[in-house]
Amino acid sequence: MTNEISVSEEVCNLIKEYKNDYCSLQLILFFADHPYMQFDELAIIHALNRDNGKSYVQRALSNFVEKGVIKTIGSSVPLYSLPENVRRLVSELARLDPHQRQLLVR
């Protein structure tokens, strides 16, 4: 098995920017597994199994919305999804196997 990973520089920069923030990194990997889906906040918190870390998930979501990494749809119960440019990036992550992802986020 090779330890070589082929991903774009943009993906590497995205991972590098957030790899020291566990919750943000988990959000990126979560959306990499579901790039075309829309989720409400509670579904994301549940999926990340972060009930005790709800404030961390909310902070990470807010930060990502502010930076344009994640977009919101709706107002009363906002749904979170990926804009097209980020969807393209995280689709590269979706093609990696778990071992390769682990190497990338080190």
Protein backbone atom coordinates (compact mmCIF):
# COMPACT_ATOMS: atom_id res chain seq x y z
CA MET A 1 0.00 0.00 0.00
CA THR A 2 1.32 3.41 -0.91
CA ASN A 3 1.25 6.45 1.34
CA GLU A 4 0.95 8.77 -1.63
CA ILE A 5 -2.22 10.84 -1.89
CA SER A 6 -3.26 12.78 -4.94
CA VAL A 7 -5.43 15.79 -4.10
CA SER A 8 -5.43 19.35 -5.31
CA GLU A 9 -3.55 22.11 -3.56
CA GLU A 10 -6.90 23.76 -2.77
CA VAL A 11 -8.02 20.69 -0.82
CA CYS A 12 -4.71 20.55 1.01
CA ASN A 13 -5.08 24.22 1.94
CA LEU A 14 -8.65 23.66 3.15
CA ILE A 15 -7.57 20.77 5.37
CA LYS A 16 -4.48 22.62 6.58
CA GLU A 17 -6.60 25.63 7.58
CA TYR A 18 -8.97 23.57 9.74
CA LYS A 19 -7.02 20.50 10.84
CA ASN A 20 -6.30 21.99 14.28
CA ASP A 21 -10.03 22.57 14.88
CA TYR A 22 -11.49 19.10 15.41
CA CYS A 23 -15.13 20.13 15.02
CA SER A 24 -14.52 22.11 11.80
CA LEU A 25 -12.52 19.25 10.34
CA GLN A 26 -15.29 16.79 11.19
CA LEU A 27 -17.81 19.08 9.46
CA ILE A 28 -15.68 19.11 6.31
CA LEU A 29 -15.40 15.32 6.34
CA PHE A 30 -19.14 14.96 7.06
CA PHE A 31 -20.07 17.11 4.08
CA ALA A 32 -17.49 15.27 1.95
CA ASP A 33 -19.55 12.14 2.58
CA HIS A 34 -22.81 13.98 1.76
CA PRO A 35 -21.87 16.75 -0.70
CA TYR A 36 -25.34 17.24 -2.24
CA MET A 37 -27.40 17.02 0.94
CA GLN A 38 -28.95 19.73 3.09
CA PHE A 39 -29.07 19.35 6.86
CA ASP A 40 -30.51 21.32 9.73
CA GLU A 41 -28.34 22.10 12.72
CA LEU A 42 -29.73 19.34 14.93
CA ALA A 43 -29.12 16.69 12.27
CA ILE A 44 -25.50 17.81 11.97
CA ILE A 45 -25.00 17.81 15.74
CA HIS A 46 -26.49 14.32 15.94
CA ALA A 47 -24.46 13.02 12.98
CA LEU A 48 -21.24 14.27 14.52
CA ASN A 49 -22.35 12.77 17.84
CA ARG A 50 -21.56 16.07 19.50
CA ASP A 51 -24.55 16.64 21.83
CA ASN A 52 -22.18 17.75 24.57
CA GLY A 53 -20.32 19.87 22.04
CA LYS A 54 -23.35 21.61 20.55
CA SER A 55 -21.78 25.04 21.01
CA TYR A 56 -18.66 23.93 19.11
CA VAL A 57 -20.74 22.71 16.17
CA GLN A 58 -22.77 25.93 16.18
CA ARG A 59 -19.58 28.00 16.24
CA ALA A 60 -18.02 25.99 13.41
CA LEU A 61 -21.19 26.24 11.30
CA SER A 62 -21.39 29.98 11.89
CA ASN A 63 -17.73 30.40 10.98
CA PHE A 64 -18.14 28.35 7.80
CA VAL A 65 -21.23 30.32 6.74
CA GLU A 66 -19.36 33.58 7.31
CA LYS A 67 -16.41 32.35 5.21
CA GLY A 68 -18.61 30.90 2.46
CA VAL A 69 -17.55 27.29 3.07
CA ILE A 70 -21.16 26.37 3.89
CA LYS A 71 -24.31 28.16 2.79
CA THR A 72 -27.71 28.36 4.44
CA ILE A 73 -31.10 27.97 2.82
CA GLY A 74 -34.26 29.14 4.55
CA SER A 75 -34.68 31.33 7.59
CA SER A 76 -36.98 29.84 10.25
CA VAL A 77 -35.10 26.51 10.25
CA PRO A 78 -32.00 27.06 8.13
CA LEU A 79 -30.60 24.16 6.16
CA TYR A 80 -26.87 23.91 5.66
CA SER A 81 -25.31 22.75 2.42
CA LEU A 82 -22.21 23.22 0.32
CA PRO A 83 -21.86 25.86 -2.37
CA GLU A 84 -20.76 24.44 -5.72
CA ASN A 85 -17.11 25.55 -5.45
CA VAL A 86 -16.67 23.82 -2.09
CA ARG A 87 -18.65 20.77 -3.22
CA ARG A 88 -16.07 20.29 -5.97
CA LEU A 89 -13.26 20.41 -3.40
CA VAL A 90 -14.76 18.05 -0.88
CA SER A 91 -15.68 15.57 -3.60
CA GLU A 92 -11.93 14.94 -3.82
CA LEU A 93 -12.00 13.95 -0.16
CA ALA A 94 -14.93 11.61 -0.75
CA ARG A 95 -12.81 9.61 -3.20
CA LEU A 96 -10.17 8.89 -0.58
CA ASP A 97 -10.33 5.76 1.52
CA PRO A 98 -10.26 6.16 5.33
CA HIS A 99 -6.53 5.47 5.54
CA GLN A 100 -5.75 8.15 2.95
CA ARG A 101 -8.01 10.65 4.75
CA GLN A 102 -6.15 9.93 7.97
CA LEU A 103 -2.83 10.62 6.28
CA LEU A 104 -4.14 13.87 4.84
CA VAL A 105 -5.43 15.26 8.12
CA ARG A 106 -2.23 14.52 10.08
